[in-house]
Amino acid sequence: MKIPLRAALLPTLLFAAGCSLLHHKPKAAPETPPSAGIEADFRDRWIDKRVHDLMAADPKLPEAEARKTAADDFAKAYPYLRTVNRQNPP
């Protein structure tokens, strides 16, 4: 009686081990570093100040154009802030 019990348990064990080997867990999305929020806040404040300065220097300048110019200036001034400068991926 012991031999048939072992013979029945062996394929079950092999089947269970094979199923766990074939099952792949989905990869978790990479977490953003804690500094990303600080960098984004700094970028937003810097761009808002630059937009204000550009619009004060030229009142006829549209805000959208001033915001684009400010974003370009920020990317040139702080190229090492890769988490918020999506124009220059690493």
PDB file of N, CA and C in Angstrom:
ATOM      1  N   MET A   1       0.802  -1.193   0.000  1.00  0.00           N
ATOM      2  CA  MET A   1       0.000   0.000   0.000  1.00  0.00           C
ATOM      3  C   MET A   1       0.852   1.268   0.000  1.00  0.00           C
ATOM      4  N   LYS A   2       2.045   1.180   0.563  1.00  0.00           N
ATOM      5  CA  LYS A   2       2.898   2.364   0.624  1.00  0.00           C
ATOM      6  C   LYS A   2       3.441   2.734  -0.753  1.00  0.00           C
ATOM      7  N   ILE A   3       3.702   1.781  -1.597  1.00  0.00           N
ATOM      8  CA  ILE A   3       4.259   2.080  -2.919  1.00  0.00           C
ATOM      9  C   ILE A   3       3.251   2.838  -3.787  1.00  0.00           C
ATOM     10  N   PRO A   4       1.988   2.432  -3.872  1.00  0.00           N
ATOM     11  CA  PRO A   4       1.059   3.207  -4.695  1.00  0.00           C
ATOM     12  C   PRO A   4       0.826   4.628  -4.132  1.00  0.00           C
ATOM     13  N   LEU A   5       0.892   4.789  -2.822  1.00  0.00           N
ATOM     14  CA  LEU A   5       0.713   6.115  -2.240  1.00  0.00           C
ATOM     15  C   LEU A   5       1.877   7.026  -2.639  1.00  0.00           C
ATOM     16  N   ARG A   6       3.082   6.504  -2.589  1.00  0.00           N
ATOM     17  CA  ARG A   6       4.246   7.280  -3.015  1.00  0.00           C
ATOM     18  C   ARG A   6       4.186   7.573  -4.508  1.00  0.00           C
ATOM     19  N   ALA A   7       3.751   6.606  -5.270  1.00  0.00           N
ATOM     20  CA  ALA A   7       3.652   6.786  -6.711  1.00  0.00           C
ATOM     21  C   ALA A   7       2.606   7.845  -7.051  1.00  0.00           C
ATOM     22  N   ALA A   8       1.572   7.987  -6.251  1.00  0.00           N
ATOM     23  CA  ALA A   8       0.544   8.994  -6.496  1.00  0.00           C
ATOM     24  C   ALA A   8       1.007  10.374  -6.023  1.00  0.00           C
ATOM     25  N   LEU A   9       1.780  10.429  -4.964  1.00  0.00           N
ATOM     26  CA  LEU A   9       2.235  11.714  -4.437  1.00  0.00           C
ATOM     27  C   LEU A   9       3.353  12.332  -5.278  1.00  0.00           C
ATOM     28  N   LEU A  10       4.182  11.505  -5.889  1.00  0.00           N
ATOM     29  CA  LEU A  10       5.295  12.020  -6.673  1.00  0.00           C
ATOM     30  C   LEU A  10       4.831  12.851  -7.875  1.00  0.00           C
ATOM     31  N   PRO A  11       3.905  12.387  -8.701  1.00  0.00           N
ATOM     32  CA  PRO A  11       3.445  13.248  -9.807  1.00  0.00           C
ATOM     33  C   PRO A  11       2.725  14.516  -9.313  1.00  0.00           C
ATOM     34  N   THR A  12       2.016  14.392  -8.209  1.00  0.00           N
ATOM     35  CA  THR A  12       1.336  15.563  -7.657  1.00  0.00           C
ATOM     36  C   THR A  12       2.351  16.606  -7.223  1.00  0.00           C
ATOM     37  N   LEU A  13       3.410  16.157  -6.573  1.00  0.00           N
ATOM     38  CA  LEU A  13       4.456  17.070  -6.141  1.00  0.00           C
ATOM     39  C   LEU A  13       5.160  17.717  -7.340  1.00  0.00           C
ATOM     40  N   LEU A  14       5.464  16.931  -8.341  1.00  0.00           N
ATOM     41  CA  LEU A  14       6.109  17.472  -9.532  1.00  0.00           C
ATOM     42  C   LEU A  14       5.189  18.447 -10.275  1.00  0.00           C
ATOM     43  N   PHE A  15       3.905  18.153 -10.352  1.00  0.00           N
ATOM     44  CA  PHE A  15       2.954  19.042 -11.017  1.00  0.00           C
ATOM     45  C   PHE A  15       2.839  20.367 -10.256  1.00  0.00           C
ATOM     46  N   ALA A  16       2.781  20.303  -8.939  1.00  0.00           N
ATOM     47  CA  ALA A  16       2.676  21.522  -8.138  1.00  0.00           C
ATOM     48  C   ALA A  16       3.943  22.366  -8.268  1.00  0.00           C
ATOM     49  N   ALA A  17       5.096  21.744  -8.301  1.00  0.00           N
ATOM     50  CA  ALA A  17       6.355  22.488  -8.455  1.00  0.00           C
ATOM     51  C   ALA A  17       6.433  23.119  -9.845  1.00  0.00           C
ATOM     52  N   GLY A  18       5.974  22.409 -10.866  1.00  0.00           N
ATOM     53  CA  GLY A  18       5.999  22.941 -12.221  1.00  0.00           C
ATOM     54  C   GLY A  18       5.066  24.127 -12.393  1.00  0.00           C
ATOM     55  N   CYS A  19       3.917  24.079 -11.746  1.00  0.00           N
ATOM     56  CA  CYS A  19       2.973  25.196 -11.855  1.00  0.00           C
ATOM     57  C   CYS A  19       3.545  26.461 -11.227  1.00  0.00           C
ATOM     58  N   SER A  20       4.248  26.306 -10.125  1.00  0.00           N
ATOM     59  CA  SER A  20       4.810  27.489  -9.489  1.00  0.00           C
ATOM     60  C   SER A  20       5.984  28.041 -10.290  1.00  0.00           C
ATOM     61  N   LEU A  21       6.656  27.201 -11.052  1.00  0.00           N
ATOM     62  CA  LEU A  21       7.760  27.679 -11.888  1.00  0.00           C
ATOM     63  C   LEU A  21       7.243  28.421 -13.116  1.00  0.00           C
ATOM     64  N   LEU A  22       6.089  28.016 -13.620  1.00  0.00           N
ATOM     65  CA  LEU A  22       5.548  28.639 -14.824  1.00  0.00           C
ATOM     66  C   LEU A  22       4.772  29.909 -14.537  1.00  0.00           C
ATOM     67  N   HIS A  23       4.396  30.114 -13.319  1.00  0.00           N
ATOM     68  CA  HIS A  23       3.611  31.293 -12.958  1.00  0.00           C
ATOM     69  C   HIS A  23       4.554  32.475 -12.745  1.00  0.00           C
ATOM     70  N   HIS A  24       4.377  33.512 -13.546  1.00  0.00           N
ATOM     71  CA  HIS A  24       5.219  34.699 -13.430  1.00  0.00           C
ATOM     72  C   HIS A  24       4.410  35.828 -12.833  1.00  0.00           C
ATOM     73  N   LYS A  25       4.974  36.467 -11.840  1.00  0.00           N
ATOM     74  CA  LYS A  25       4.317  37.621 -11.241  1.00  0.00           C
ATOM     75  C   LYS A  25       4.600  38.844 -12.092  1.00  0.00           C
ATOM     76  N   PRO A  26       3.607  39.708 -12.268  1.00  0.00           N
ATOM     77  CA  PRO A  26       3.868  40.927 -13.042  1.00  0.00           C
ATOM     78  C   PRO A  26       4.834  41.840 -12.282  1.00  0.00           C
ATOM     79  N   LYS A  27       5.661  42.513 -13.049  1.00  0.00           N
ATOM     80  CA  LYS A  27       6.632  43.406 -12.420  1.00  0.00           C
ATOM     81  C   LYS A  27       5.923  44.646 -11.904  1.00  0.00           C
ATOM     82  N   ALA A  28       6.307  45.059 -10.743  1.00  0.00           N
ATOM     83  CA  ALA A  28       5.741  46.271 -10.162  1.00  0.00           C
ATOM     84  C   ALA A  28       6.349  47.489 -10.855  1.00  0.00           C
ATOM     85  N   ALA A  29       5.558  48.524 -10.976  1.00  0.00           N
ATOM     86  CA  ALA A  29       6.059  49.754 -11.577  1.00  0.00           C
ATOM     87  C   ALA A  29       7.144  50.344 -10.684  1.00  0.00           C
ATOM     88  N   PRO A  30       8.201  50.870 -11.276  1.00  0.00           N
ATOM     89  CA  PRO A  30       9.264  51.440 -10.447  1.00  0.00           C
ATOM     90  C   PRO A  30       8.746  52.649  -9.663  1.00  0.00           C
ATOM     91  N   GLU A  31       9.110  52.687  -8.419  1.00  0.00           N
ATOM     92  CA  GLU A  31       8.671  53.788  -7.572  1.00  0.00           C
ATOM     93  C   GLU A  31       9.488  55.040  -7.880  1.00  0.00           C
ATOM     94  N   THR A  32       8.824  56.172  -7.806  1.00  0.00           N
ATOM     95  CA  THR A  32       9.541  57.426  -8.009  1.00  0.00           C
ATOM     96  C   THR A  32      10.321  57.746  -6.736  1.00  0.00           C
ATOM     97  N   PRO A  33      11.480  58.323  -6.884  1.00  0.00           N
ATOM     98  CA  PRO A  33      12.263  58.656  -5.689  1.00  0.00           C
ATOM     99  C   PRO A  33      11.581  59.765  -4.894  1.00  0.00           C
ATOM    100  N   PRO A  34      11.824  59.814  -3.594  1.00  0.00           N
ATOM    101  CA  PRO A  34      11.204  60.857  -2.763  1.00  0.00           C
ATOM    102  C   PRO A  34      11.570  62.265  -3.206  1.00  0.00           C
ATOM    103  N   SER A  35      12.720  62.427  -3.815  1.00  0.00           N
ATOM    104  CA  SER A  35      13.145  63.757  -4.241  1.00  0.00           C
ATOM    105  C   SER A  35      12.357  64.265  -5.443  1.00  0.00           C
ATOM    106  N   ALA A  36      11.637  63.396  -6.131  1.00  0.00           N
ATOM    107  CA  ALA A  36      10.909  63.810  -7.332  1.00  0.00           C
ATOM    108  C   ALA A  36       9.858  64.863  -7.007  1.00  0.00           C
ATOM    109  N   GLY A  37       9.166  64.711  -5.891  1.00  0.00           N
ATOM    110  CA  GLY A  37       8.162  65.697  -5.501  1.00  0.00           C
ATOM    111  C   GLY A  37       8.774  67.043  -5.183  1.00  0.00           C
ATOM    112  N   ILE A  38       9.924  67.026  -4.529  1.00  0.00           N
ATOM    113  CA  ILE A  38      10.612  68.273  -4.187  1.00  0.00           C
ATOM    114  C   ILE A  38      11.097  68.957  -5.456  1.00  0.00           C
ATOM    115  N   GLU A  39      11.656  68.167  -6.386  1.00  0.00           N
ATOM    116  CA  GLU A  39      12.130  68.738  -7.643  1.00  0.00           C
ATOM    117  C   GLU A  39      10.975  69.316  -8.461  1.00  0.00           C
ATOM    118  N   ALA A  40       9.852  68.622  -8.486  1.00  0.00           N
ATOM    119  CA  ALA A  40       8.696  69.111  -9.239  1.00  0.00           C
ATOM    120  C   ALA A  40       8.158  70.406  -8.635  1.00  0.00           C
ATOM    121  N   ASP A  41       8.128  70.474  -7.303  1.00  0.00           N
ATOM    122  CA  ASP A  41       7.669  71.690  -6.638  1.00  0.00           C
ATOM    123  C   ASP A  41       8.616  72.856  -6.935  1.00  0.00           C
ATOM    124  N   PHE A  42       9.917  72.593  -6.874  1.00  0.00           N
ATOM    125  CA  PHE A  42      10.906  73.625  -7.193  1.00  0.00           C
ATOM    126  C   PHE A  42      10.739  74.101  -8.632  1.00  0.00           C
ATOM    127  N   ARG A  43      10.549  73.157  -9.554  1.00  0.00           N
ATOM    128  CA  ARG A  43      10.376  73.506 -10.973  1.00  0.00           C
ATOM    129  C   ARG A  43       9.136  74.388 -11.155  1.00  0.00           C
ATOM    130  N   ASP A  44       8.029  73.997 -10.538  1.00  0.00           N
ATOM    131  CA  ASP A  44       6.797  74.785 -10.676  1.00  0.00           C
ATOM    132  C   ASP A  44       6.969  76.203 -10.140  1.00  0.00           C
ATOM    133  N   ARG A  45       7.595  76.326  -8.970  1.00  0.00           N
ATOM    134  CA  ARG A  45       7.795  77.661  -8.389  1.00  0.00           C
ATOM    135  C   ARG A  45       8.759  78.491  -9.240  1.00  0.00           C
ATOM    136  N   TRP A  46       9.829  77.876  -9.743  1.00  0.00           N
ATOM    137  CA  TRP A  46      10.806  78.587 -10.551  1.00  0.00           C
ATOM    138  C   TRP A  46      10.163  79.073 -11.844  1.00  0.00           C
ATOM    139  N   ILE A  47       9.386  78.212 -12.496  1.00  0.00           N
ATOM    140  CA  ILE A  47       8.733  78.584 -13.746  1.00  0.00           C
ATOM    141  C   ILE A  47       7.700  79.682 -13.505  1.00  0.00           C
ATOM    142  N   ASP A  48       6.935  79.591 -12.429  1.00  0.00           N
ATOM    143  CA  ASP A  48       5.955  80.649 -12.131  1.00  0.00           C
ATOM    144  C   ASP A  48       6.639  81.999 -11.941  1.00  0.00           C
ATOM    145  N   LYS A  49       7.764  82.005 -11.230  1.00  0.00           N
ATOM    146  CA  LYS A  49       8.492  83.257 -11.029  1.00  0.00           C
ATOM    147  C   LYS A  49       9.053  83.783 -12.340  1.00  0.00           C
ATOM    148  N   ARG A  50       9.592  82.882 -13.156  1.00  0.00           N
ATOM    149  CA  ARG A  50      10.158  83.292 -14.444  1.00  0.00           C
ATOM    150  C   ARG A  50       9.075  83.821 -15.384  1.00  0.00           C
ATOM    151  N   VAL A  51       7.896  83.191 -15.382  1.00  0.00           N
ATOM    152  CA  VAL A  51       6.780  83.675 -16.198  1.00  0.00           C
ATOM    153  C   VAL A  51       6.390  85.075 -15.753  1.00  0.00           C
ATOM    154  N   HIS A  52       6.333  85.283 -14.448  1.00  0.00           N
ATOM    155  CA  HIS A  52       5.998  86.612 -13.920  1.00  0.00           C
ATOM    156  C   HIS A  52       7.037  87.644 -14.372  1.00  0.00           C
ATOM    157  N   ASP A  53       8.314  87.297 -14.288  1.00  0.00           N
ATOM    158  CA  ASP A  53       9.378  88.220 -14.708  1.00  0.00           C
ATOM    159  C   ASP A  53       9.307  88.516 -16.208  1.00  0.00           C
ATOM    160  N   LEU A  54       9.066  87.481 -17.022  1.00  0.00           N
ATOM    161  CA  LEU A  54       8.985  87.691 -18.470  1.00  0.00           C
ATOM    162  C   LEU A  54       7.783  88.560 -18.844  1.00  0.00           C
ATOM    163  N   MET A  55       6.659  88.327 -18.195  1.00  0.00           N
ATOM    164  CA  MET A  55       5.461  89.104 -18.504  1.00  0.00           C
ATOM    165  C   MET A  55       5.575  90.536 -17.978  1.00  0.00           C
ATOM    166  N   ALA A  56       6.342  90.731 -16.913  1.00  0.00           N
ATOM    167  CA  ALA A  56       6.560  92.087 -16.407  1.00  0.00           C
ATOM    168  C   ALA A  56       7.476  92.859 -17.358  1.00  0.00           C
ATOM    169  N   ALA A  57       8.437  92.177 -17.949  1.00  0.00           N
ATOM    170  CA  ALA A  57       9.355  92.836 -18.885  1.00  0.00           C
ATOM    171  C   ALA A  57       8.665  93.163 -20.210  1.00  0.00           C
ATOM    172  N   ASP A  58       7.740  92.306 -20.642  1.00  0.00           N
ATOM    173  CA  ASP A  58       7.027  92.526 -21.909  1.00  0.00           C
ATOM    174  C   ASP A  58       5.547  92.222 -21.688  1.00  0.00           C
ATOM    175  N   PRO A  59       4.726  93.224 -21.387  1.00  0.00           N
ATOM    176  CA  PRO A  59       3.303  92.985 -21.095  1.00  0.00           C
ATOM    177  C   PRO A  59       2.524  92.401 -22.277  1.00  0.00           C
ATOM    178  N   LYS A  60       3.002  92.552 -23.498  1.00  0.00           N
ATOM    179  CA  LYS A  60       2.295  92.024 -24.667  1.00  0.00           C
ATOM    180  C   LYS A  60       2.563  90.533 -24.888  1.00  0.00           C
ATOM    181  N   LEU A  61       3.495  89.975 -24.165  1.00  0.00           N
ATOM    182  CA  LEU A  61       3.856  88.567 -24.314  1.00  0.00           C
ATOM    183  C   LEU A  61       2.732  87.677 -23.775  1.00  0.00           C
ATOM    184  N   PRO A  62       2.217  86.745 -24.592  1.00  0.00           N
ATOM    185  CA  PRO A  62       1.163  85.835 -24.103  1.00  0.00           C
ATOM    186  C   PRO A  62       1.715  84.906 -23.012  1.00  0.00           C
ATOM    187  N   GLU A  63       0.850  84.534 -22.092  1.00  0.00           N
ATOM    188  CA  GLU A  63       1.289  83.700 -20.969  1.00  0.00           C
ATOM    189  C   GLU A  63       1.775  82.329 -21.445  1.00  0.00           C
ATOM    190  N   ALA A  64       1.136  81.754 -22.444  1.00  0.00           N
ATOM    191  CA  ALA A  64       1.548  80.434 -22.939  1.00  0.00           C
ATOM    192  C   ALA A  64       2.971  80.473 -23.493  1.00  0.00           C
ATOM    193  N   GLU A  65       3.282  81.532 -24.215  1.00  0.00           N
ATOM    194  CA  GLU A  65       4.627  81.660 -24.768  1.00  0.00           C
ATOM    195  C   GLU A  65       5.649  81.908 -23.653  1.00  0.00           C
ATOM    196  N   ALA A  66       5.265  82.709 -22.662  1.00  0.00           N
ATOM    197  CA  ALA A  66       6.160  82.962 -21.536  1.00  0.00           C
ATOM    198  C   ALA A  66       6.403  81.679 -20.747  1.00  0.00           C
ATOM    199  N   ARG A  67       5.367  80.851 -20.590  1.00  0.00           N
ATOM    200  CA  ARG A  67       5.512  79.586 -19.857  1.00  0.00           C
ATOM    201  C   ARG A  67       6.429  78.628 -20.616  1.00  0.00           C
ATOM    202  N   LYS A  68       6.314  78.589 -21.947  1.00  0.00           N
ATOM    203  CA  LYS A  68       7.193  77.722 -22.742  1.00  0.00           C
ATOM    204  C   LYS A  68       8.637  78.200 -22.654  1.00  0.00           C
ATOM    205  N   THR A  69       8.838  79.500 -22.737  1.00  0.00           N
ATOM    206  CA  THR A  69      10.189  80.059 -22.620  1.00  0.00           C
ATOM    207  C   THR A  69      10.774  79.761 -21.242  1.00  0.00           C
ATOM    208  N   ALA A  70       9.946  79.893 -20.210  1.00  0.00           N
ATOM    209  CA  ALA A  70      10.417  79.624 -18.850  1.00  0.00           C
ATOM    210  C   ALA A  70      10.784  78.151 -18.680  1.00  0.00           C
ATOM    211  N   ALA A  71       9.995  77.259 -19.256  1.00  0.00           N
ATOM    212  CA  ALA A  71      10.301  75.823 -19.167  1.00  0.00           C
ATOM    213  C   ALA A  71      11.614  75.502 -19.880  1.00  0.00           C
ATOM    214  N   ASP A  72      11.832  76.126 -21.025  1.00  0.00           N
ATOM    215  CA  ASP A  72      13.098  75.927 -21.743  1.00  0.00           C
ATOM    216  C   ASP A  72      14.283  76.479 -20.943  1.00  0.00           C
ATOM    217  N   ASP A  73      14.088  77.654 -20.330  1.00  0.00           N
ATOM    218  CA  ASP A  73      15.146  78.240 -19.493  1.00  0.00           C
ATOM    219  C   ASP A  73      15.470  77.340 -18.308  1.00  0.00           C
ATOM    220  N   PHE A  74      14.434  76.754 -17.711  1.00  0.00           N
ATOM    221  CA  PHE A  74      14.650  75.868 -16.566  1.00  0.00           C
ATOM    222  C   PHE A  74      15.451  74.637 -16.989  1.00  0.00           C
ATOM    223  N   ALA A  75      15.106  74.061 -18.133  1.00  0.00           N
ATOM    224  CA  ALA A  75      15.819  72.873 -18.615  1.00  0.00           C
ATOM    225  C   ALA A  75      17.288  73.187 -18.897  1.00  0.00           C
ATOM    226  N   LYS A  76      17.566  74.403 -19.347  1.00  0.00           N
ATOM    227  CA  LYS A  76      18.957  74.799 -19.609  1.00  0.00           C
ATOM    228  C   LYS A  76      19.699  75.100 -18.312  1.00  0.00           C
ATOM    229  N   ALA A  77      19.000  75.707 -17.353  1.00  0.00           N
ATOM    230  CA  ALA A  77      19.650  76.087 -16.101  1.00  0.00           C
ATOM    231  C   ALA A  77      19.874  74.891 -15.181  1.00  0.00           C
ATOM    232  N   TYR A  78      18.982  73.910 -15.218  1.00  0.00           N
ATOM    233  CA  TYR A  78      19.062  72.749 -14.323  1.00  0.00           C
ATOM    234  C   TYR A  78      18.959  71.446 -15.127  1.00  0.00           C
ATOM    235  N   PRO A  79      19.955  71.147 -15.952  1.00  0.00           N
ATOM    236  CA  PRO A  79      19.852  69.926 -16.772  1.00  0.00           C
ATOM    237  C   PRO A  79      19.996  68.644 -15.954  1.00  0.00           C
ATOM    238  N   TYR A  80      20.546  68.736 -14.765  1.00  0.00           N
ATOM    239  CA  TYR A  80      20.775  67.544 -13.944  1.00  0.00           C
ATOM    240  C   TYR A  80      19.526  67.091 -13.210  1.00  0.00           C
ATOM    241  N   LEU A  81      18.443  67.840 -13.246  1.00  0.00           N
ATOM    242  CA  LEU A  81      17.190  67.423 -12.617  1.00  0.00           C
ATOM    243  C   LEU A  81      16.412  66.574 -13.615  1.00  0.00           C
ATOM    244  N   ARG A  82      16.796  65.324 -13.744  1.00  0.00           N
ATOM    245  CA  ARG A  82      16.236  64.428 -14.757  1.00  0.00           C
ATOM    246  C   ARG A  82      14.791  64.029 -14.470  1.00  0.00           C
ATOM    247  N   THR A  83      14.382  64.001 -13.205  1.00  0.00           N
ATOM    248  CA  THR A  83      13.026  63.551 -12.895  1.00  0.00           C
ATOM    249  C   THR A  83      11.969  64.540 -13.332  1.00  0.00           C
ATOM    250  N   VAL A  84      12.319  65.821 -13.455  1.00  0.00           N
ATOM    251  CA  VAL A  84      11.332  66.808 -13.866  1.00  0.00           C
ATOM    252  C   VAL A  84      11.600  67.357 -15.265  1.00  0.00           C
ATOM    253  N   ASN A  85      12.783  67.141 -15.807  1.00  0.00           N
ATOM    254  CA  ASN A  85      13.101  67.575 -17.169  1.00  0.00           C
ATOM    255  C   ASN A  85      12.864  66.400 -18.112  1.00  0.00           C
ATOM    256  N   ARG A  86      11.638  66.226 -18.537  1.00  0.00           N
ATOM    257  CA  ARG A  86      11.324  65.100 -19.415  1.00  0.00           C
ATOM    258  C   ARG A  86      11.793  65.330 -20.846  1.00  0.00           C
ATOM    259  N   GLN A  87      12.244  66.541 -21.177  1.00  0.00           N
ATOM    260  CA  GLN A  87      12.733  66.778 -22.523  1.00  0.00           C
ATOM    261  C   GLN A  87      14.073  66.076 -22.731  1.00  0.00           C
ATOM    262  N   ASN A  88      14.837  65.861 -21.668  1.00  0.00           N
ATOM    263  CA  ASN A  88      16.171  65.263 -21.763  1.00  0.00           C
ATOM    264  C   ASN A  88      16.198  63.964 -20.980  1.00  0.00           C
ATOM    265  N   PRO A  89      15.617  62.865 -21.494  1.00  0.00           N
ATOM    266  CA  PRO A  89      15.655  61.619 -20.721  1.00  0.00           C
ATOM    267  C   PRO A  89      17.078  61.090 -20.592  1.00  0.00           C
ATOM    268  N   PRO A  90      17.372  60.360 -19.514  1.00  0.00           N
ATOM    269  CA  PRO A  90      18.739  59.853 -19.303  1.00  0.00           C
ATOM    270  C   PRO A  90      19.186  58.845 -20.328  1.00  0.00           C
TER     271      PRO A  90
END
